[in-house]
Amino acid sequence: MTTQWLIGDTVSISTIVPAVLGGLLLAGFLSWLLARLRLYRFIWNRPLFELALFLILTGAIVALFPNPVASG
């Protein structure tokens, strides 16, 4: 059973949306940090690495933060 976040009485969003946004923000920050530290020279395929980083972070957020209690 999936839960949704209610905003007001009419707008509901899936719980995966905040997890994806959080994963995107964390992956962007870590990508910037890795580029700043010049660690990407050790990575063979940068786009594949960034995709894997995004998926791992999103999965970690989903696993660490349980679904909120469904309203209504």
PDB file of N, CA and C in Angstrom:
ATOM      1  N   MET A   1       0.847  -1.173   0.000  1.00  0.00           N
ATOM      2  CA  MET A   1       0.000   0.000   0.000  1.00  0.00           C
ATOM      3  C   MET A   1       0.894   1.239   0.000  1.00  0.00           C
ATOM      4  N   THR A   2       0.666   2.109  -0.942  1.00  0.00           N
ATOM      5  CA  THR A   2       1.462   3.331  -1.017  1.00  0.00           C
ATOM      6  C   THR A   2       0.770   4.446  -0.267  1.00  0.00           C
ATOM      7  N   THR A   3       1.568   5.337   0.256  1.00  0.00           N
ATOM      8  CA  THR A   3       1.017   6.500   0.940  1.00  0.00           C
ATOM      9  C   THR A   3       1.357   7.731   0.131  1.00  0.00           C
ATOM     10  N   GLN A   4       0.605   8.781   0.363  1.00  0.00           N
ATOM     11  CA  GLN A   4       0.825  10.037  -0.343  1.00  0.00           C
ATOM     12  C   GLN A   4       0.823  11.170   0.654  1.00  0.00           C
ATOM     13  N   TRP A   5       1.512  12.241   0.301  1.00  0.00           N
ATOM     14  CA  TRP A   5       1.500  13.447   1.114  1.00  0.00           C
ATOM     15  C   TRP A   5       0.409  14.350   0.584  1.00  0.00           C
ATOM     16  N   LEU A   6      -0.404  14.841   1.478  1.00  0.00           N
ATOM     17  CA  LEU A   6      -1.471  15.752   1.085  1.00  0.00           C
ATOM     18  C   LEU A   6      -1.034  17.182   1.362  1.00  0.00           C
ATOM     19  N   ILE A   7      -1.210  18.037   0.360  1.00  0.00           N
ATOM     20  CA  ILE A   7      -0.934  19.463   0.501  1.00  0.00           C
ATOM     21  C   ILE A   7      -2.278  20.161   0.347  1.00  0.00           C
ATOM     22  N   GLY A   8      -2.773  20.677   1.432  1.00  0.00           N
ATOM     23  CA  GLY A   8      -4.120  21.231   1.393  1.00  0.00           C
ATOM     24  C   GLY A   8      -5.122  20.095   1.315  1.00  0.00           C
ATOM     25  N   ASP A   9      -6.179  20.318   0.562  1.00  0.00           N
ATOM     26  CA  ASP A   9      -7.192  19.279   0.395  1.00  0.00           C
ATOM     27  C   ASP A   9      -7.194  18.687  -1.006  1.00  0.00           C
ATOM     28  N   THR A  10      -6.493  19.313  -1.932  1.00  0.00           N
ATOM     29  CA  THR A  10      -6.624  18.877  -3.321  1.00  0.00           C
ATOM     30  C   THR A  10      -5.349  18.318  -3.926  1.00  0.00           C
ATOM     31  N   VAL A  11      -4.187  18.676  -3.413  1.00  0.00           N
ATOM     32  CA  VAL A  11      -2.931  18.262  -4.033  1.00  0.00           C
ATOM     33  C   VAL A  11      -2.322  17.112  -3.238  1.00  0.00           C
ATOM     34  N   SER A  12      -2.014  16.029  -3.900  1.00  0.00           N
ATOM     35  CA  SER A  12      -1.319  14.919  -3.251  1.00  0.00           C
ATOM     36  C   SER A  12      -0.140  14.505  -4.127  1.00  0.00           C
ATOM     37  N   ILE A  13       0.985  14.269  -3.466  1.00  0.00           N
ATOM     38  CA  ILE A  13       2.174  13.831  -4.201  1.00  0.00           C
ATOM     39  C   ILE A  13       2.639  12.502  -3.625  1.00  0.00           C
ATOM     40  N   SER A  14       3.255  11.718  -4.468  1.00  0.00           N
ATOM     41  CA  SER A  14       3.770  10.431  -4.054  1.00  0.00           C
ATOM     42  C   SER A  14       4.954  10.625  -3.116  1.00  0.00           C
ATOM     43  N   THR A  15       5.199   9.664  -2.261  1.00  0.00           N
ATOM     44  CA  THR A  15       6.305   9.777  -1.316  1.00  0.00           C
ATOM     45  C   THR A  15       7.661   9.620  -1.985  1.00  0.00           C
ATOM     46  N   ILE A  16       7.709   9.147  -3.215  1.00  0.00           N
ATOM     47  CA  ILE A  16       8.987   8.977  -3.894  1.00  0.00           C
ATOM     48  C   ILE A  16       9.535  10.319  -4.392  1.00  0.00           C
ATOM     49  N   VAL A  17       8.666  11.307  -4.570  1.00  0.00           N
ATOM     50  CA  VAL A  17       9.096  12.601  -5.105  1.00  0.00           C
ATOM     51  C   VAL A  17      10.117  13.286  -4.199  1.00  0.00           C
ATOM     52  N   PRO A  18       9.881  13.410  -2.892  1.00  0.00           N
ATOM     53  CA  PRO A  18      10.910  14.020  -2.045  1.00  0.00           C
ATOM     54  C   PRO A  18      12.201  13.201  -1.996  1.00  0.00           C
ATOM     55  N   ALA A  19      12.092  11.886  -2.063  1.00  0.00           N
ATOM     56  CA  ALA A  19      13.293  11.035  -2.054  1.00  0.00           C
ATOM     57  C   ALA A  19      14.118  11.256  -3.312  1.00  0.00           C
ATOM     58  N   VAL A  20      13.470  11.376  -4.462  1.00  0.00           N
ATOM     59  CA  VAL A  20      14.185  11.610  -5.714  1.00  0.00           C
ATOM     60  C   VAL A  20      14.823  12.996  -5.702  1.00  0.00           C
ATOM     61  N   LEU A  21      14.102  13.991  -5.209  1.00  0.00           N
ATOM     62  CA  LEU A  21      14.671  15.335  -5.135  1.00  0.00           C
ATOM     63  C   LEU A  21      15.867  15.387  -4.182  1.00  0.00           C
ATOM     64  N   GLY A  22      15.749  14.711  -3.051  1.00  0.00           N
ATOM     65  CA  GLY A  22      16.862  14.649  -2.110  1.00  0.00           C
ATOM     66  C   GLY A  22      18.067  13.929  -2.699  1.00  0.00           C
ATOM     67  N   GLY A  23      17.811  12.822  -3.400  1.00  0.00           N
ATOM     68  CA  GLY A  23      18.900  12.099  -4.058  1.00  0.00           C
ATOM     69  C   GLY A  23      19.563  12.932  -5.133  1.00  0.00           C
ATOM     70  N   LEU A  24      18.765  13.701  -5.851  1.00  0.00           N
ATOM     71  CA  LEU A  24      19.302  14.569  -6.894  1.00  0.00           C
ATOM     72  C   LEU A  24      20.174  15.674  -6.298  1.00  0.00           C
ATOM     73  N   LEU A  25      19.706  16.278  -5.216  1.00  0.00           N
ATOM     74  CA  LEU A  25      20.498  17.325  -4.566  1.00  0.00           C
ATOM     75  C   LEU A  25      21.797  16.775  -3.984  1.00  0.00           C
ATOM     76  N   LEU A  26      21.723  15.630  -3.313  1.00  0.00           N
ATOM     77  CA  LEU A  26      22.929  15.035  -2.753  1.00  0.00           C
ATOM     78  C   LEU A  26      23.906  14.598  -3.837  1.00  0.00           C
ATOM     79  N   ALA A  27      23.396  14.009  -4.909  1.00  0.00           N
ATOM     80  CA  ALA A  27      24.260  13.579  -5.999  1.00  0.00           C
ATOM     81  C   ALA A  27      24.911  14.778  -6.676  1.00  0.00           C
ATOM     82  N   GLY A  28      24.157  15.862  -6.839  1.00  0.00           N
ATOM     83  CA  GLY A  28      24.740  17.070  -7.420  1.00  0.00           C
ATOM     84  C   GLY A  28      25.838  17.647  -6.556  1.00  0.00           C
ATOM     85  N   PHE A  29      25.607  17.665  -5.239  1.00  0.00           N
ATOM     86  CA  PHE A  29      26.636  18.176  -4.334  1.00  0.00           C
ATOM     87  C   PHE A  29      27.876  17.289  -4.342  1.00  0.00           C
ATOM     88  N   LEU A  30      27.675  15.964  -4.286  1.00  0.00           N
ATOM     89  CA  LEU A  30      28.828  15.065  -4.306  1.00  0.00           C
ATOM     90  C   LEU A  30      29.557  15.114  -5.636  1.00  0.00           C
ATOM     91  N   SER A  31      28.840  15.295  -6.735  1.00  0.00           N
ATOM     92  CA  SER A  31      29.480  15.435  -8.039  1.00  0.00           C
ATOM     93  C   SER A  31      30.335  16.690  -8.084  1.00  0.00           C
ATOM     94  N   TRP A  32      29.796  17.786  -7.546  1.00  0.00           N
ATOM     95  CA  TRP A  32      30.566  19.027  -7.488  1.00  0.00           C
ATOM     96  C   TRP A  32      31.811  18.848  -6.623  1.00  0.00           C
ATOM     97  N   LEU A  33      31.654  18.164  -5.490  1.00  0.00           N
ATOM     98  CA  LEU A  33      32.776  17.951  -4.586  1.00  0.00           C
ATOM     99  C   LEU A  33      33.849  17.068  -5.220  1.00  0.00           C
ATOM    100  N   LEU A  34      33.431  16.006  -5.894  1.00  0.00           N
ATOM    101  CA  LEU A  34      34.390  15.130  -6.557  1.00  0.00           C
ATOM    102  C   LEU A  34      35.124  15.850  -7.687  1.00  0.00           C
ATOM    103  N   ALA A  35      34.424  16.704  -8.410  1.00  0.00           N
ATOM    104  CA  ALA A  35      35.069  17.474  -9.472  1.00  0.00           C
ATOM    105  C   ALA A  35      36.035  18.492  -8.879  1.00  0.00           C
ATOM    106  N   ARG A  36      35.644  19.095  -7.777  1.00  0.00           N
ATOM    107  CA  ARG A  36      36.493  20.096  -7.118  1.00  0.00           C
ATOM    108  C   ARG A  36      37.775  19.474  -6.576  1.00  0.00           C
ATOM    109  N   LEU A  37      37.666  18.250  -6.066  1.00  0.00           N
ATOM    110  CA  LEU A  37      38.830  17.542  -5.537  1.00  0.00           C
ATOM    111  C   LEU A  37      39.610  16.790  -6.617  1.00  0.00           C
ATOM    112  N   ARG A  38      39.152  16.924  -7.853  1.00  0.00           N
ATOM    113  CA  ARG A  38      39.779  16.291  -9.013  1.00  0.00           C
ATOM    114  C   ARG A  38      39.852  14.768  -8.881  1.00  0.00           C
ATOM    115  N   LEU A  39      38.820  14.182  -8.321  1.00  0.00           N
ATOM    116  CA  LEU A  39      38.783  12.729  -8.163  1.00  0.00           C
ATOM    117  C   LEU A  39      38.131  12.023  -9.348  1.00  0.00           C
ATOM    118  N   TYR A  40      37.537  12.790 -10.246  1.00  0.00           N
ATOM    119  CA  TYR A  40      36.915  12.172 -11.421  1.00  0.00           C
ATOM    120  C   TYR A  40      37.950  11.608 -12.393  1.00  0.00           C
ATOM    121  N   ARG A  41      39.195  11.945 -12.222  1.00  0.00           N
ATOM    122  CA  ARG A  41      40.218  11.388 -13.115  1.00  0.00           C
ATOM    123  C   ARG A  41      40.400   9.898 -12.879  1.00  0.00           C
ATOM    124  N   PHE A  42      39.920   9.381 -11.729  1.00  0.00           N
ATOM    125  CA  PHE A  42      40.008   7.960 -11.436  1.00  0.00           C
ATOM    126  C   PHE A  42      38.772   7.193 -11.889  1.00  0.00           C
ATOM    127  N   ILE A  43      37.768   7.896 -12.401  1.00  0.00           N
ATOM    128  CA  ILE A  43      36.505   7.285 -12.829  1.00  0.00           C
ATOM    129  C   ILE A  43      36.563   7.044 -14.328  1.00  0.00           C
ATOM    130  N   TRP A  44      36.242   5.821 -14.748  1.00  0.00           N
ATOM    131  CA  TRP A  44      36.326   5.471 -16.155  1.00  0.00           C
ATOM    132  C   TRP A  44      35.181   6.076 -16.964  1.00  0.00           C
ATOM    133  N   ASN A  45      33.963   5.980 -16.455  1.00  0.00           N
ATOM    134  CA  ASN A  45      32.787   6.451 -17.182  1.00  0.00           C
ATOM    135  C   ASN A  45      31.990   7.370 -16.256  1.00  0.00           C
ATOM    136  N   ARG A  46      32.192   8.668 -16.390  1.00  0.00           N
ATOM    137  CA  ARG A  46      31.603   9.631 -15.455  1.00  0.00           C
ATOM    138  C   ARG A  46      30.073   9.622 -15.467  1.00  0.00           C
ATOM    139  N   PRO A  47      29.396   9.636 -16.631  1.00  0.00           N
ATOM    140  CA  PRO A  47      27.917   9.620 -16.590  1.00  0.00           C
ATOM    141  C   PRO A  47      27.349   8.370 -15.918  1.00  0.00           C
ATOM    142  N   LEU A  48      27.965   7.223 -16.162  1.00  0.00           N
ATOM    143  CA  LEU A  48      27.500   5.992 -15.527  1.00  0.00           C
ATOM    144  C   LEU A  48      27.721   6.047 -14.016  1.00  0.00           C
ATOM    145  N   PHE A  49      28.844   6.592 -13.597  1.00  0.00           N
ATOM    146  CA  PHE A  49      29.123   6.754 -12.173  1.00  0.00           C
ATOM    147  C   PHE A  49      28.118   7.695 -11.518  1.00  0.00           C
ATOM    148  N   GLU A  50      27.805   8.802 -12.175  1.00  0.00           N
ATOM    149  CA  GLU A  50      26.856   9.754 -11.604  1.00  0.00           C
ATOM    150  C   GLU A  50      25.451   9.171 -11.515  1.00  0.00           C
ATOM    151  N   LEU A  51      25.059   8.387 -12.504  1.00  0.00           N
ATOM    152  CA  LEU A  51      23.757   7.722 -12.444  1.00  0.00           C
ATOM    153  C   LEU A  51      23.715   6.733 -11.288  1.00  0.00           C
ATOM    154  N   ALA A  52      24.764   5.948 -11.124  1.00  0.00           N
ATOM    155  CA  ALA A  52      24.821   4.989 -10.025  1.00  0.00           C
ATOM    156  C   ALA A  52      24.810   5.705  -8.683  1.00  0.00           C
ATOM    157  N   LEU A  53      25.527   6.816  -8.581  1.00  0.00           N
ATOM    158  CA  LEU A  53      25.543   7.597  -7.348  1.00  0.00           C
ATOM    159  C   LEU A  53      24.147   8.114  -7.013  1.00  0.00           C
ATOM    160  N   PHE A  54      23.441   8.627  -8.002  1.00  0.00           N
ATOM    161  CA  PHE A  54      22.075   9.116  -7.804  1.00  0.00           C
ATOM    162  C   PHE A  54      21.148   7.987  -7.347  1.00  0.00           C
ATOM    163  N   LEU A  55      21.241   6.831  -7.985  1.00  0.00           N
ATOM    164  CA  LEU A  55      20.368   5.715  -7.614  1.00  0.00           C
ATOM    165  C   LEU A  55      20.676   5.191  -6.222  1.00  0.00           C
ATOM    166  N   ILE A  56      21.941   5.117  -5.864  1.00  0.00           N
ATOM    167  CA  ILE A  56      22.317   4.649  -4.531  1.00  0.00           C
ATOM    168  C   ILE A  56      21.831   5.616  -3.461  1.00  0.00           C
ATOM    169  N   LEU A  57      21.998   6.911  -3.695  1.00  0.00           N
ATOM    170  CA  LEU A  57      21.562   7.897  -2.712  1.00  0.00           C
ATOM    171  C   LEU A  57      20.042   7.924  -2.573  1.00  0.00           C
ATOM    172  N   THR A  58      19.334   7.825  -3.689  1.00  0.00           N
ATOM    173  CA  THR A  58      17.870   7.790  -3.633  1.00  0.00           C
ATOM    174  C   THR A  58      17.392   6.543  -2.897  1.00  0.00           C
ATOM    175  N   GLY A  59      18.003   5.409  -3.176  1.00  0.00           N
ATOM    176  CA  GLY A  59      17.649   4.175  -2.466  1.00  0.00           C
ATOM    177  C   GLY A  59      17.940   4.256  -0.983  1.00  0.00           C
ATOM    178  N   ALA A  60      19.044   4.905  -0.625  1.00  0.00           N
ATOM    179  CA  ALA A  60      19.380   5.063   0.787  1.00  0.00           C
ATOM    180  C   ALA A  60      18.373   5.963   1.496  1.00  0.00           C
ATOM    181  N   ILE A  61      17.931   7.019   0.830  1.00  0.00           N
ATOM    182  CA  ILE A  61      16.929   7.906   1.428  1.00  0.00           C
ATOM    183  C   ILE A  61      15.617   7.160   1.626  1.00  0.00           C
ATOM    184  N   VAL A  62      15.214   6.374   0.649  1.00  0.00           N
ATOM    185  CA  VAL A  62      13.969   5.600   0.765  1.00  0.00           C
ATOM    186  C   VAL A  62      14.086   4.588   1.895  1.00  0.00           C
ATOM    187  N   ALA A  63      15.249   3.964   2.047  1.00  0.00           N
ATOM    188  CA  ALA A  63      15.423   2.948   3.082  1.00  0.00           C
ATOM    189  C   ALA A  63      15.523   3.554   4.477  1.00  0.00           C
ATOM    190  N   LEU A  64      16.137   4.722   4.587  1.00  0.00           N
ATOM    191  CA  LEU A  64      16.366   5.310   5.906  1.00  0.00           C
ATOM    192  C   LEU A  64      15.156   6.040   6.470  1.00  0.00           C
ATOM    193  N   PHE A  65      14.358   6.636   5.618  1.00  0.00           N
ATOM    194  CA  PHE A  65      13.213   7.399   6.082  1.00  0.00           C
ATOM    195  C   PHE A  65      11.932   6.643   5.741  1.00  0.00           C
ATOM    196  N   PRO A  66      11.220   6.184   6.756  1.00  0.00           N
ATOM    197  CA  PRO A  66       9.987   5.416   6.492  1.00  0.00           C
ATOM    198  C   PRO A  66       8.901   6.313   5.899  1.00  0.00           C
ATOM    199  N   ASN A  67       7.919   5.669   5.310  1.00  0.00           N
ATOM    200  CA  ASN A  67       6.785   6.404   4.732  1.00  0.00           C
ATOM    201  C   ASN A  67       6.007   7.100   5.833  1.00  0.00           C
ATOM    202  N   PRO A  68       5.544   8.315   5.552  1.00  0.00           N
ATOM    203  CA  PRO A  68       4.712   8.999   6.561  1.00  0.00           C
ATOM    204  C   PRO A  68       3.363   8.311   6.683  1.00  0.00           C
ATOM    205  N   VAL A  69       2.719   8.556   7.792  1.00  0.00           N
ATOM    206  CA  VAL A  69       1.386   7.991   8.015  1.00  0.00           C
ATOM    207  C   VAL A  69       0.412   8.620   7.051  1.00  0.00           C
ATOM    208  N   ALA A  70      -0.380   7.806   6.397  1.00  0.00           N
ATOM    209  CA  ALA A  70      -1.345   8.323   5.420  1.00  0.00           C
ATOM    210  C   ALA A  70      -2.420   9.145   6.123  1.00  0.00           C
ATOM    211  N   SER A  71      -2.696  10.297   5.565  1.00  0.00           N
ATOM    212  CA  SER A  71      -3.735  11.165   6.117  1.00  0.00           C
ATOM    213  C   SER A  71      -5.069  10.841   5.454  1.00  0.00           C
ATOM    214  N   GLY A  72      -6.116  10.902   6.201  1.00  0.00           N
ATOM    215  CA  GLY A  72      -7.440  10.720   5.633  1.00  0.00           C
ATOM    216  C   GLY A  72      -7.841   9.352   5.689  1.00  0.00           C
TER     217      GLY A  72
END
